[in-house]
Amino acid sequence: MRIIDTGLLDQARMNSLSQTDKDWIYNGLDCCLTLEIDEVLDQYMDPISEHMYNISRALQAPILEMNMRGILIDLAERDKAVAELEADKARVDKNFDRLCQSIFGQLVNPNSPAQGITLFYHWLSIPEQRKRNNKGEWVPTVDRDTLEKLAKNYSTAKPFVSHILKSRDIGKQIASLQTPLSDKGRFHTSLSIAGTKTGRLASALSDFNDGSNLQNIDRRIKRMFIADPGKKFCNVDLEQADARNVGAQTWNLFPEYGDTARFLDAAESGDLHTFVCSMCWTDLPWTGDPKLDRAIADQPAYREKSFRDMAKILGHGTNFNGQAPQMAMHTKVERGFIEDFQHRYFAAFPEVKRRIEWIGEQLVREGNLVTLFGRRRFFLKRRGDNKTLNEGCAFDPQSMTADEINYAMLRVYQYLKPVYPWLELLIQVHDSLLFQYPEEYEDLIVPLILQCMKTILTLRNGRKFYVPSEAKVGWNWGDYASQEDSDKAAAKGKRVDPNLNGMKKYKGTDARVRL
């Protein structure tokens, strides 16, 4: 082994060395620096951080395998998807041109920041929004966050923002679909373990400069992702994970409510939103029969939306400390209706309101939160700020969902894959996992995967808790649709192309054959 005294190195000496020697020095210094950092970090390691550090290390193996494998692409289906998206973008851009031409007599490029600044801050006379650039200078901006803020606060900006963001979003999808594939026709991504604050994986361009983010693929174009010849997909989703995790947290945190803490019961009832309806709108003629009560919950409550719709939309926002004015703006529901719902909701589930208060107290006092899985997050913004409280209310359930899916992936990788080496992990998308396997082993492997999805916690009073999951199987990643489904959609003025190879709920067996 060569020994190099790095203390004698300077730029002139480095320039005189061969490329091989430079590579030895670079890699040697990289290893030494990594070791030095590890020795420093060890001083700050406690049982909480060490636990999550070990989990993160264990995740490297399955994630590297998924990054390397990629997913096979149906090239004809990809070309069709690109053509449809380009047609969508052309329609949006044409409408935007008409809007600008009719009002200002000029066209605006929706992808030009300079023209956007002129549009919003000069022609529409909206107060200029500024951000620091990479030189530290405060300059006008029309980035996504700013445009969304303008749409909320200025009615004159909203139609322009809607067109610009829609055009940009479609353009990004087109660009991601047109990125190079591997030489084997596979679409790769690069999943990052440390990509988010909640423990969710982040997805981006692969390490080989092909592919793109696979976690935000439009449902319409998922059918271009196909299983390898002779193999089949299984996609497993956690069901209503965030809401169930809120229930688990409230049950564990507040023993003073005893067994009357009802939100966890609601989350585990099998129909959370109907249960919430029955607890909030007690004046409706509830029967106790699930089918009859579902019909009652589906009755109109607000404009075209049912009581169940309202429970779903407003309940989720309220769990995350949504305030009536902001929720009214996002949901297009009158503020008075939301305030009435939240009054009923907190009366039915006082432990949910207490959870929000507790999180606020914990943030001010400690500046950090620890989930039931032992993941800790420090909040570095103003502790008493309402935005910080909103982030805190969202952190626990979203982080628990991330760990539930991560633990499930580890169980599959560590316990199933050594026994069934033909089982292949393909991608993790927030609360779901996509696998492929030889078709003939489906009825063997899918039930085993579903068992691995259960991350069981023991809560207060010995109550067992886990988030259930649902499996769908098929030969492409899109949703299954029959000709009948397509005809029904057409009758409603919608377009749904038949997809007989798509993902269909697994009910113990699937008699279809690949077409």
Protein backbone atom coordinates (compact mmCIF):
# COMPACT_ATOMS: atom_id res chain seq x y z
CA MET A 1 0.00 0.00 0.00
CA ARG A 2 1.35 3.41 -0.92
CA ILE A 3 1.79 5.97 1.83
CA ILE A 4 1.30 9.61 0.86
CA ASP A 5 2.14 12.51 3.17
CA THR A 6 -0.69 14.91 2.39
CA GLY A 7 1.07 17.58 4.42
CA LEU A 8 3.58 17.94 1.60
CA LEU A 9 0.95 18.35 -1.10
CA ASP A 10 0.30 21.70 -2.72
CA GLN A 11 -1.35 22.69 -5.99
CA ALA A 12 1.90 22.72 -7.95
CA ARG A 13 2.82 19.21 -6.79
CA MET A 14 -0.71 17.94 -7.49
CA ASN A 15 -0.51 19.30 -11.05
CA SER A 16 2.71 17.38 -11.64
CA LEU A 17 1.23 14.01 -10.63
CA SER A 18 -0.27 11.42 -12.96
CA GLN A 19 -4.03 10.98 -13.08
CA THR A 20 -3.66 7.63 -11.31
CA ASP A 21 -1.81 9.26 -8.40
CA LYS A 22 -4.43 12.02 -8.25
CA ASP A 23 -7.18 9.40 -8.05
CA TRP A 24 -5.37 7.57 -5.22
CA ILE A 25 -5.01 10.81 -3.27
CA TYR A 26 -8.61 11.92 -3.89
CA ASN A 27 -10.08 8.60 -2.76
CA GLY A 28 -7.72 8.33 0.19
CA LEU A 29 -8.64 11.81 1.43
CA ASP A 30 -12.32 11.03 0.90
CA CYS A 31 -12.07 7.96 3.14
CA CYS A 32 -10.09 9.81 5.81
CA LEU A 33 -12.54 12.70 5.88
CA THR A 34 -15.50 10.32 6.16
CA LEU A 35 -13.83 8.64 9.13
CA GLU A 36 -13.11 11.99 10.80
CA ILE A 37 -16.75 13.06 10.38
CA ASP A 38 -17.95 9.73 11.80
CA GLU A 39 -15.77 10.15 14.89
CA VAL A 40 -17.25 13.62 15.52
CA LEU A 41 -20.83 12.50 14.97
CA ASP A 42 -20.36 9.63 17.43
CA GLN A 43 -20.08 12.20 20.20
CA TYR A 44 -23.63 13.40 19.50
CA MET A 45 -25.23 9.97 19.08
CA ASP A 46 -27.95 9.08 21.58
CA PRO A 47 -30.35 6.09 21.56
CA ILE A 48 -32.93 7.96 19.46
CA SER A 49 -30.55 9.12 16.75
CA GLU A 50 -28.61 5.83 16.78
CA HIS A 51 -31.81 3.86 16.15
CA MET A 52 -32.72 5.91 13.07
CA TYR A 53 -29.11 5.92 11.89
CA ASN A 54 -29.12 2.13 11.89
CA ILE A 55 -32.43 2.06 10.01
CA SER A 56 -31.03 4.43 7.39
CA ARG A 57 -27.96 2.22 6.93
CA ALA A 58 -30.12 -0.86 6.51
CA LEU A 59 -32.21 0.89 3.84
CA GLN A 60 -29.16 1.39 1.62
CA ALA A 61 -29.20 -2.16 0.26
CA PRO A 62 -32.81 -2.36 -1.04
CA ILE A 63 -32.68 1.24 -2.28
CA LEU A 64 -29.45 0.66 -4.19
CA GLU A 65 -31.00 -2.44 -5.75
CA MET A 66 -34.08 -0.47 -6.88
CA ASN A 67 -31.93 2.35 -8.24
CA MET A 68 -29.84 -0.11 -10.26
CA ARG A 69 -32.73 -2.22 -11.58
CA GLY A 70 -35.10 0.43 -12.95
CA ILE A 71 -38.45 -0.39 -14.60
CA LEU A 72 -39.03 -1.57 -18.17
CA ILE A 73 -40.75 0.92 -20.48
CA ASP A 74 -43.30 0.26 -23.24
CA LEU A 75 -41.87 2.64 -25.83
CA ALA A 76 -45.07 2.84 -27.90
CA GLU A 77 -47.07 3.69 -24.78
CA ARG A 78 -44.49 6.31 -23.81
CA ASP A 79 -44.75 7.97 -27.22
CA LYS A 80 -48.53 7.98 -26.89
CA ALA A 81 -48.32 9.54 -23.41
CA VAL A 82 -45.94 12.25 -24.63
CA ALA A 83 -48.26 13.05 -27.55
CA GLU A 84 -51.26 13.35 -25.20
CA LEU A 85 -49.36 15.60 -22.79
CA GLU A 86 -48.12 17.77 -25.64
CA ALA A 87 -51.72 18.15 -26.82
CA ASP A 88 -52.79 19.07 -23.28
CA LYS A 89 -50.01 21.65 -23.04
CA ALA A 90 -50.94 23.12 -26.41
CA ARG A 91 -54.55 23.60 -25.23
CA VAL A 92 -53.44 25.27 -21.99
CA ASP A 93 -50.99 27.54 -23.80
CA LYS A 94 -53.61 28.46 -26.43
CA ASN A 95 -56.10 29.47 -23.72
CA PHE A 96 -53.37 31.46 -21.96
CA ASP A 97 -52.53 33.26 -25.22
CA ARG A 98 -56.19 34.17 -25.68
CA LEU A 99 -56.38 35.47 -22.11
CA CYS A 100 -53.30 37.66 -22.47
CA GLN A 101 -54.21 38.85 -25.96
CA SER A 102 -57.76 39.81 -24.99
CA ILE A 103 -56.71 41.78 -21.89
CA PHE A 104 -53.28 43.18 -22.72
CA GLY A 105 -53.09 42.84 -26.49
CA GLN A 106 -49.78 40.98 -26.12
CA LEU A 107 -48.62 37.40 -25.69
CA VAL A 108 -46.66 36.18 -22.67
CA ASN A 109 -44.30 33.20 -22.54
CA PRO A 110 -45.46 31.17 -19.49
CA ASN A 111 -41.90 29.84 -19.03
CA SER A 112 -40.21 33.26 -19.04
CA PRO A 113 -39.54 34.73 -15.56
CA ALA A 114 -38.86 38.15 -17.07
CA GLN A 115 -42.19 38.23 -18.90
CA GLY A 116 -43.93 36.90 -15.81
CA ILE A 117 -42.52 39.79 -13.77
CA THR A 118 -43.85 42.23 -16.36
CA LEU A 119 -47.27 40.53 -16.37
CA PHE A 120 -47.87 40.46 -12.62
CA TYR A 121 -45.97 43.47 -11.29
CA HIS A 122 -46.43 45.96 -14.12
CA TRP A 123 -49.53 45.10 -16.15
CA LEU A 124 -51.57 43.78 -13.19
CA SER A 125 -49.95 46.24 -10.72
CA ILE A 126 -49.55 43.59 -7.99
CA PRO A 127 -47.04 44.53 -5.26
CA GLU A 128 -43.66 43.15 -6.21
CA GLN A 129 -42.57 39.95 -4.44
CA ARG A 130 -38.82 39.58 -3.89
CA LYS A 131 -36.36 36.86 -2.93
CA ARG A 132 -32.61 36.69 -2.54
CA ASN A 133 -30.73 35.38 -5.56
CA ASN A 134 -27.48 33.40 -5.41
CA LYS A 135 -25.57 36.70 -5.10
CA GLY A 136 -27.52 37.68 -2.00
CA GLU A 137 -29.45 40.39 -3.83
CA TRP A 138 -33.18 40.95 -3.34
CA VAL A 139 -34.77 40.62 -6.79
CA PRO A 140 -38.33 40.26 -8.14
CA THR A 141 -39.47 36.64 -8.46
CA VAL A 142 -42.30 34.64 -10.00
CA ASP A 143 -41.24 31.18 -8.82
CA ARG A 144 -43.84 28.57 -7.95
CA ASP A 145 -44.22 29.50 -4.27
CA THR A 146 -44.66 33.14 -5.19
CA LEU A 147 -47.21 32.42 -7.91
CA GLU A 148 -49.26 30.25 -5.56
CA LYS A 149 -49.21 33.06 -3.01
CA LEU A 150 -50.33 35.58 -5.65
CA ALA A 151 -53.22 33.32 -6.69
CA LYS A 152 -54.41 33.12 -3.07
CA ASN A 153 -54.19 36.83 -2.34
CA TYR A 154 -55.07 38.51 -5.66
CA SER A 155 -58.12 37.45 -7.64
CA THR A 156 -56.78 39.21 -10.75
CA ALA A 157 -53.69 36.96 -10.68
CA LYS A 158 -55.48 33.65 -10.28
CA PRO A 159 -56.42 32.82 -13.92
CA PHE A 160 -52.93 33.71 -15.13
CA VAL A 161 -51.23 31.69 -12.37
CA SER A 162 -53.45 28.67 -13.05
CA HIS A 163 -52.45 28.59 -16.73
CA ILE A 164 -48.75 29.21 -16.07
CA LEU A 165 -48.42 26.51 -13.41
CA LYS A 166 -50.44 24.01 -15.44
CA SER A 167 -48.28 24.63 -18.51
CA ARG A 168 -45.08 24.29 -16.47
CA ASP A 169 -46.25 21.11 -14.75
CA ILE A 170 -47.15 19.43 -18.03
CA GLY A 171 -43.85 20.59 -19.52
CA LYS A 172 -41.95 18.96 -16.64
CA GLN A 173 -43.82 15.70 -17.17
CA ILE A 174 -43.00 15.74 -20.87
CA ALA A 175 -39.34 16.46 -20.14
CA SER A 176 -39.14 13.63 -17.59
CA LEU A 177 -40.70 11.16 -20.05
CA GLN A 178 -38.27 12.19 -22.76
CA THR A 179 -35.18 11.73 -20.59
CA PRO A 180 -32.84 8.98 -21.82
CA LEU A 181 -33.50 5.37 -20.85
CA SER A 182 -30.80 2.82 -20.07
CA ASP A 183 -29.44 0.73 -22.92
CA LYS A 184 -31.90 -1.99 -21.85
CA GLY A 185 -34.90 0.32 -22.21
CA ARG A 186 -35.39 0.81 -18.49
CA PHE A 187 -36.42 3.97 -16.62
CA HIS A 188 -34.21 4.62 -13.59
CA THR A 189 -34.49 6.93 -10.64
CA SER A 190 -32.27 7.82 -7.71
CA LEU A 191 -34.00 7.34 -4.36
CA SER A 192 -32.47 9.32 -1.49
CA ILE A 193 -32.76 8.15 2.12
CA ALA A 194 -32.03 11.61 3.55
CA GLY A 195 -34.12 13.51 1.04
CA THR A 196 -36.90 14.72 3.36
CA LYS A 197 -37.52 15.83 6.95
CA THR A 198 -40.15 13.16 7.59
CA GLY A 199 -38.17 10.06 6.59
CA ARG A 200 -39.86 9.72 3.20
CA LEU A 201 -37.58 8.86 0.33
CA ALA A 202 -36.91 11.53 -2.30
CA SER A 203 -36.65 10.67 -5.99
CA ALA A 204 -34.66 12.40 -8.73
CA LEU A 205 -32.56 11.93 -11.87
CA SER A 206 -30.60 8.69 -11.64
CA ASP A 207 -26.87 8.54 -10.94
CA PHE A 208 -26.34 7.59 -14.59
CA ASN A 209 -27.98 10.81 -15.86
CA ASP A 210 -31.05 9.07 -17.19
CA GLY A 211 -34.60 8.67 -15.92
CA SER A 212 -36.16 11.09 -13.44
CA ASN A 213 -38.43 11.39 -10.39
CA LEU A 214 -40.69 8.32 -10.20
CA GLN A 215 -42.75 9.44 -7.19
CA ASN A 216 -44.94 12.01 -8.95
CA ILE A 217 -45.86 10.21 -12.17
CA ASP A 218 -49.30 11.18 -13.50
CA ARG A 219 -51.82 8.34 -13.17
CA ARG A 220 -52.69 8.61 -16.86
CA ILE A 221 -49.20 7.68 -18.02
CA LYS A 222 -48.33 4.95 -15.53
CA ARG A 223 -49.30 2.27 -18.05
CA MET A 224 -46.03 2.88 -19.93
CA PHE A 225 -44.21 1.15 -17.03
CA ILE A 226 -44.45 -2.59 -17.63
CA ALA A 227 -43.35 -5.82 -15.97
CA ASP A 228 -40.51 -7.78 -17.55
CA PRO A 229 -41.47 -10.70 -19.84
CA GLY A 230 -42.89 -13.59 -17.82
CA LYS A 231 -43.26 -11.38 -14.73
CA LYS A 232 -46.07 -9.46 -13.07
CA PHE A 233 -46.41 -6.37 -10.87
CA CYS A 234 -47.76 -6.17 -7.34
CA ASN A 235 -48.36 -2.71 -5.88
CA VAL A 236 -49.10 -2.59 -2.15
CA ASP A 237 -50.58 0.56 -0.53
CA LEU A 238 -51.05 1.45 3.10
CA GLU A 239 -54.69 2.39 3.68
CA GLN A 240 -55.49 5.77 5.28
CA ALA A 241 -52.14 5.67 7.04
CA ASP A 242 -51.95 9.34 8.08
CA ALA A 243 -55.37 9.32 9.75
CA ARG A 244 -54.74 6.01 11.52
CA ASN A 245 -51.41 7.32 12.78
CA VAL A 246 -53.11 10.41 14.21
CA GLY A 247 -55.43 8.02 16.03
CA ALA A 248 -52.55 5.97 17.41
CA GLN A 249 -50.77 9.08 18.63
CA THR A 250 -53.84 10.49 20.39
CA TRP A 251 -54.61 7.13 22.01
CA ASN A 252 -51.09 6.88 23.39
CA LEU A 253 -50.61 10.49 24.45
CA PHE A 254 -53.74 11.14 26.45
CA PRO A 255 -54.66 8.41 28.94
CA GLU A 256 -56.95 10.93 30.66
CA TYR A 257 -59.50 10.26 27.91
CA GLY A 258 -59.38 6.54 28.70
CA ASP A 259 -61.23 4.25 26.31
CA THR A 260 -63.48 7.13 25.26
CA ALA A 261 -60.75 8.41 22.92
CA ARG A 262 -62.76 7.69 19.80
CA PHE A 263 -60.61 8.86 16.90
CA LEU A 264 -58.56 5.68 16.74
CA ASP A 265 -61.82 3.70 16.76
CA ALA A 266 -63.01 5.86 13.88
CA ALA A 267 -59.79 5.33 11.93
CA GLU A 268 -59.98 1.56 12.41
CA SER A 269 -63.73 1.29 11.77
CA GLY A 270 -63.29 0.32 8.13
CA ASP A 271 -65.00 3.51 6.94
CA LEU A 272 -63.37 6.43 8.71
CA HIS A 273 -65.29 9.15 6.91
CA THR A 274 -68.74 7.68 7.55
CA PHE A 275 -67.79 7.19 11.21
CA VAL A 276 -66.73 10.86 11.42
CA CYS A 277 -70.06 11.87 9.86
CA SER A 278 -71.99 9.89 12.46
CA MET A 279 -70.01 11.52 15.27
CA CYS A 280 -70.27 15.07 13.92
CA TRP A 281 -73.77 15.23 12.44
CA THR A 282 -75.60 13.44 15.22
CA ASP A 283 -78.97 14.80 14.07
CA LEU A 284 -78.97 12.53 10.98
CA PRO A 285 -80.91 9.22 11.25
CA TRP A 286 -77.98 6.86 11.78
CA THR A 287 -78.87 3.15 12.00
CA GLY A 288 -75.69 1.33 12.99
CA ASP A 289 -75.86 -0.65 9.76
CA PRO A 290 -72.68 0.09 7.71
CA LYS A 291 -74.43 0.03 4.31
CA LEU A 292 -77.39 2.16 5.41
CA ASP A 293 -75.12 4.61 7.24
CA ARG A 294 -72.89 4.94 4.18
CA ALA A 295 -75.99 5.89 2.15
CA ILE A 296 -76.85 8.54 4.76
CA ALA A 297 -73.30 9.89 4.72
CA ASP A 298 -73.47 10.15 0.92
CA GLN A 299 -76.42 12.57 1.09
CA PRO A 300 -75.75 16.16 -0.10
CA ALA A 301 -74.29 18.43 2.57
CA TYR A 302 -72.70 21.38 0.80
CA ARG A 303 -73.44 22.20 -2.82
CA GLU A 304 -72.49 19.07 -4.83
CA LYS A 305 -70.49 17.50 -1.97
CA SER A 306 -71.85 14.92 0.47
CA PHE A 307 -71.45 14.75 4.24
CA ARG A 308 -68.83 12.05 3.68
CA ASP A 309 -66.93 14.25 1.23
CA MET A 310 -66.88 17.03 3.81
CA ALA A 311 -65.69 14.67 6.55
CA LYS A 312 -62.85 13.49 4.31
CA ILE A 313 -61.72 16.92 3.11
CA LEU A 314 -62.18 18.91 6.30
CA GLY A 315 -61.20 16.19 8.77
CA HIS A 316 -57.77 15.73 7.20
CA GLY A 317 -57.11 19.47 7.18
CA THR A 318 -58.30 19.89 10.76
CA ASN A 319 -55.98 17.11 11.98
CA PHE A 320 -53.09 19.14 10.61
CA ASN A 321 -54.24 22.36 12.35
CA GLY A 322 -55.97 23.80 9.33
CA GLN A 323 -57.69 27.11 10.11
CA ALA A 324 -61.10 27.93 8.67
CA PRO A 325 -60.02 30.98 6.58
CA GLN A 326 -57.18 29.12 4.86
CA MET A 327 -59.20 25.93 4.45
CA ALA A 328 -62.06 27.91 2.90
CA MET A 329 -59.64 29.33 0.35
CA HIS A 330 -58.25 25.89 -0.59
CA THR A 331 -61.48 23.86 -0.54
CA LYS A 332 -63.93 26.46 -1.92
CA VAL A 333 -66.16 25.74 1.08
CA GLU A 334 -67.67 28.65 2.99
CA ARG A 335 -65.87 29.60 6.17
CA GLY A 336 -69.05 29.27 8.26
CA PHE A 337 -69.56 25.65 7.20
CA ILE A 338 -65.96 24.81 8.09
CA GLU A 339 -66.19 26.50 11.48
CA ASP A 340 -69.38 24.56 12.24
CA PHE A 341 -67.71 21.30 11.17
CA GLN A 342 -64.62 21.93 13.31
CA HIS A 343 -66.80 22.73 16.33
CA ARG A 344 -68.60 19.41 15.87
CA TYR A 345 -65.36 17.56 15.08
CA PHE A 346 -63.53 18.68 18.22
CA ALA A 347 -66.63 17.98 20.32
CA ALA A 348 -66.71 14.42 18.95
CA PHE A 349 -62.94 13.91 19.15
CA PRO A 350 -61.55 16.18 21.91
CA GLU A 351 -58.29 14.23 21.90
CA VAL A 352 -57.58 15.53 18.37
CA LYS A 353 -57.80 19.14 19.58
CA ARG A 354 -55.68 18.25 22.62
CA ARG A 355 -53.06 16.75 20.27
CA ILE A 356 -52.69 20.05 18.42
CA GLU A 357 -52.33 21.92 21.73
CA TRP A 358 -49.80 19.36 23.00
CA ILE A 359 -47.68 19.65 19.86
CA GLY A 360 -47.62 23.44 20.24
CA GLU A 361 -46.51 23.11 23.87
CA GLN A 362 -43.85 20.54 22.97
CA LEU A 363 -42.43 22.69 20.19
CA VAL A 364 -42.13 25.75 22.43
CA ARG A 365 -40.69 23.78 25.33
CA GLU A 366 -38.39 21.28 23.58
CA GLY A 367 -38.11 22.39 19.96
CA ASN A 368 -38.43 18.81 18.72
CA LEU A 369 -40.91 15.96 18.29
CA VAL A 370 -40.37 12.20 18.48
CA THR A 371 -42.75 9.79 16.75
CA LEU A 372 -44.00 6.46 18.07
CA PHE A 373 -41.30 4.85 15.89
CA GLY A 374 -38.57 6.90 17.53
CA ARG A 375 -37.85 9.34 14.69
CA ARG A 376 -36.95 12.78 16.00
CA ARG A 377 -37.17 16.07 14.17
CA PHE A 378 -35.83 19.40 15.38
CA PHE A 379 -37.82 22.47 14.34
CA LEU A 380 -35.46 25.37 13.70
CA LYS A 381 -38.01 28.04 12.79
CA ARG A 382 -39.85 30.19 15.33
CA ARG A 383 -41.30 27.70 17.76
CA GLY A 384 -44.46 29.65 18.54
CA ASP A 385 -45.27 30.43 14.90
CA ASN A 386 -48.46 28.93 13.50
CA LYS A 387 -46.60 27.67 10.41
CA THR A 388 -44.24 25.75 12.69
CA LEU A 389 -47.25 24.29 14.50
CA ASN A 390 -48.74 23.21 11.16
CA GLU A 391 -45.49 21.45 10.25
CA GLY A 392 -45.44 19.79 13.66
CA CYS A 393 -49.02 18.53 13.32
CA ALA A 394 -48.19 17.05 9.91
CA PHE A 395 -44.84 15.59 10.95
CA ASP A 396 -45.96 12.76 13.23
CA PRO A 397 -48.50 11.02 10.97
CA GLN A 398 -46.51 11.57 7.77
CA SER A 399 -43.26 10.43 9.37
CA MET A 400 -44.93 7.34 10.84
CA THR A 401 -46.28 6.49 7.39
CA ALA A 402 -42.76 6.83 5.98
CA ASP A 403 -41.34 4.48 8.60
CA GLU A 404 -44.17 1.98 8.21
CA ILE A 405 -43.41 1.66 4.50
CA ASN A 406 -39.64 1.65 5.12
CA TYR A 407 -39.91 -1.12 7.71
CA ALA A 408 -42.15 -3.10 5.37
CA MET A 409 -39.57 -2.78 2.61
CA LEU A 410 -36.82 -3.95 4.95
CA ARG A 411 -38.83 -7.01 6.03
CA VAL A 412 -39.45 -7.97 2.42
CA TYR A 413 -35.79 -7.50 1.58
CA GLN A 414 -34.36 -9.22 4.65
CA TYR A 415 -36.83 -12.08 5.12
CA LEU A 416 -38.60 -12.81 1.84
CA LYS A 417 -35.95 -12.07 -0.75
CA PRO A 418 -33.33 -14.52 0.60
CA VAL A 419 -35.94 -17.31 0.36
CA TYR A 420 -37.47 -16.14 -2.93
CA PRO A 421 -34.59 -14.47 -4.83
CA TRP A 422 -36.82 -13.96 -7.90
CA LEU A 423 -38.83 -11.32 -5.99
CA GLU A 424 -37.69 -7.87 -7.17
CA LEU A 425 -38.29 -4.48 -5.54
CA LEU A 426 -38.87 -1.74 -8.11
CA ILE A 427 -39.92 1.53 -6.44
CA GLN A 428 -41.26 3.04 -3.22
CA VAL A 429 -43.78 5.87 -3.58
CA HIS A 430 -44.51 7.50 -0.19
CA ASP A 431 -47.00 4.92 1.18
CA SER A 432 -46.71 2.14 -1.40
CA LEU A 433 -44.27 -0.40 -2.80
CA LEU A 434 -44.05 -1.86 -6.30
CA PHE A 435 -42.66 -5.37 -6.84
CA GLN A 436 -42.39 -7.81 -9.71
CA TYR A 437 -42.14 -11.61 -9.68
CA PRO A 438 -42.61 -14.59 -12.02
CA GLU A 439 -46.34 -14.83 -12.79
CA GLU A 440 -46.67 -18.43 -11.61
CA TYR A 441 -45.68 -17.50 -8.03
CA GLU A 442 -48.30 -14.79 -7.53
CA ASP A 443 -50.59 -16.64 -5.12
CA LEU A 444 -47.57 -17.62 -3.05
CA ILE A 445 -45.80 -14.29 -2.80
CA VAL A 446 -48.56 -11.66 -2.59
CA PRO A 447 -50.00 -12.93 0.75
CA LEU A 448 -46.46 -13.01 2.16
CA ILE A 449 -45.82 -9.44 1.04
CA LEU A 450 -49.07 -8.36 2.71
CA GLN A 451 -47.90 -9.95 5.96
CA CYS A 452 -44.61 -8.05 5.73
CA MET A 453 -46.53 -4.78 5.40
CA LYS A 454 -47.76 -5.00 9.00
CA THR A 455 -45.67 -2.87 11.36
CA ILE A 456 -47.30 -3.66 14.70
CA LEU A 457 -47.09 -1.28 17.65
CA THR A 458 -48.32 -1.94 21.19
CA LEU A 459 -50.16 1.14 22.41
CA ARG A 460 -51.57 2.13 25.78
CA ASN A 461 -53.49 -0.60 27.61
CA GLY A 462 -51.90 -3.23 25.35
CA ARG A 463 -53.88 -2.19 22.28
CA LYS A 464 -52.29 -3.54 19.09
CA PHE A 465 -52.04 -1.16 16.17
CA TYR A 466 -50.96 -1.41 12.55
CA VAL A 467 -51.96 0.19 9.27
CA PRO A 468 -53.60 -2.35 6.92
CA SER A 469 -52.65 -2.53 3.27
CA GLU A 470 -54.19 -3.42 -0.07
CA ALA A 471 -52.54 -5.17 -3.01
CA LYS A 472 -53.15 -4.63 -6.70
CA VAL A 473 -51.65 -6.78 -9.44
CA GLY A 474 -51.17 -6.39 -13.17
CA TRP A 475 -48.66 -6.18 -16.01
CA ASN A 476 -48.46 -2.40 -16.24
CA TRP A 477 -48.52 0.26 -13.54
CA GLY A 478 -51.70 1.95 -14.73
CA ASP A 479 -55.14 1.31 -13.25
CA TYR A 480 -57.19 -1.52 -14.72
CA ALA A 481 -60.04 -0.40 -16.97
CA SER A 482 -62.42 -2.59 -18.97
CA GLN A 483 -64.29 -1.56 -22.11
CA GLU A 484 -67.36 -1.13 -19.89
CA ASP A 485 -65.41 1.25 -17.63
CA SER A 486 -64.36 3.21 -20.70
CA ASP A 487 -67.95 3.42 -21.98
CA LYS A 488 -69.26 4.62 -18.61
CA ALA A 489 -66.61 7.33 -18.47
CA ALA A 490 -67.45 8.42 -22.01
CA ALA A 491 -71.13 8.75 -21.03
CA LYS A 492 -70.01 11.26 -18.38
CA GLY A 493 -67.90 13.19 -20.85
CA LYS A 494 -64.62 11.73 -19.61
CA ARG A 495 -61.98 9.70 -21.41
CA VAL A 496 -60.68 6.45 -19.94
CA ASP A 497 -58.90 4.12 -22.35
CA PRO A 498 -59.34 0.38 -21.70
CA ASN A 499 -56.35 -1.08 -19.85
CA LEU A 500 -56.84 -4.81 -19.43
CA ASN A 501 -53.24 -5.34 -18.27
CA GLY A 502 -53.54 -2.68 -15.57
CA MET A 503 -53.43 -2.93 -11.79
CA LYS A 504 -56.48 -4.65 -10.30
CA LYS A 505 -57.28 -5.35 -6.65
CA TYR A 506 -55.93 -8.73 -5.55
CA LYS A 507 -58.67 -10.88 -3.99
CA GLY A 508 -56.82 -14.13 -3.44
CA THR A 509 -56.21 -14.85 -7.12
CA ASP A 510 -56.22 -13.15 -10.52
CA ALA A 511 -57.44 -15.23 -13.47
CA ARG A 512 -56.35 -12.74 -16.15
CA VAL A 513 -53.60 -13.48 -18.66
CA ARG A 514 -51.22 -10.97 -20.14
CA LEU A 515 -52.50 -9.46 -23.38
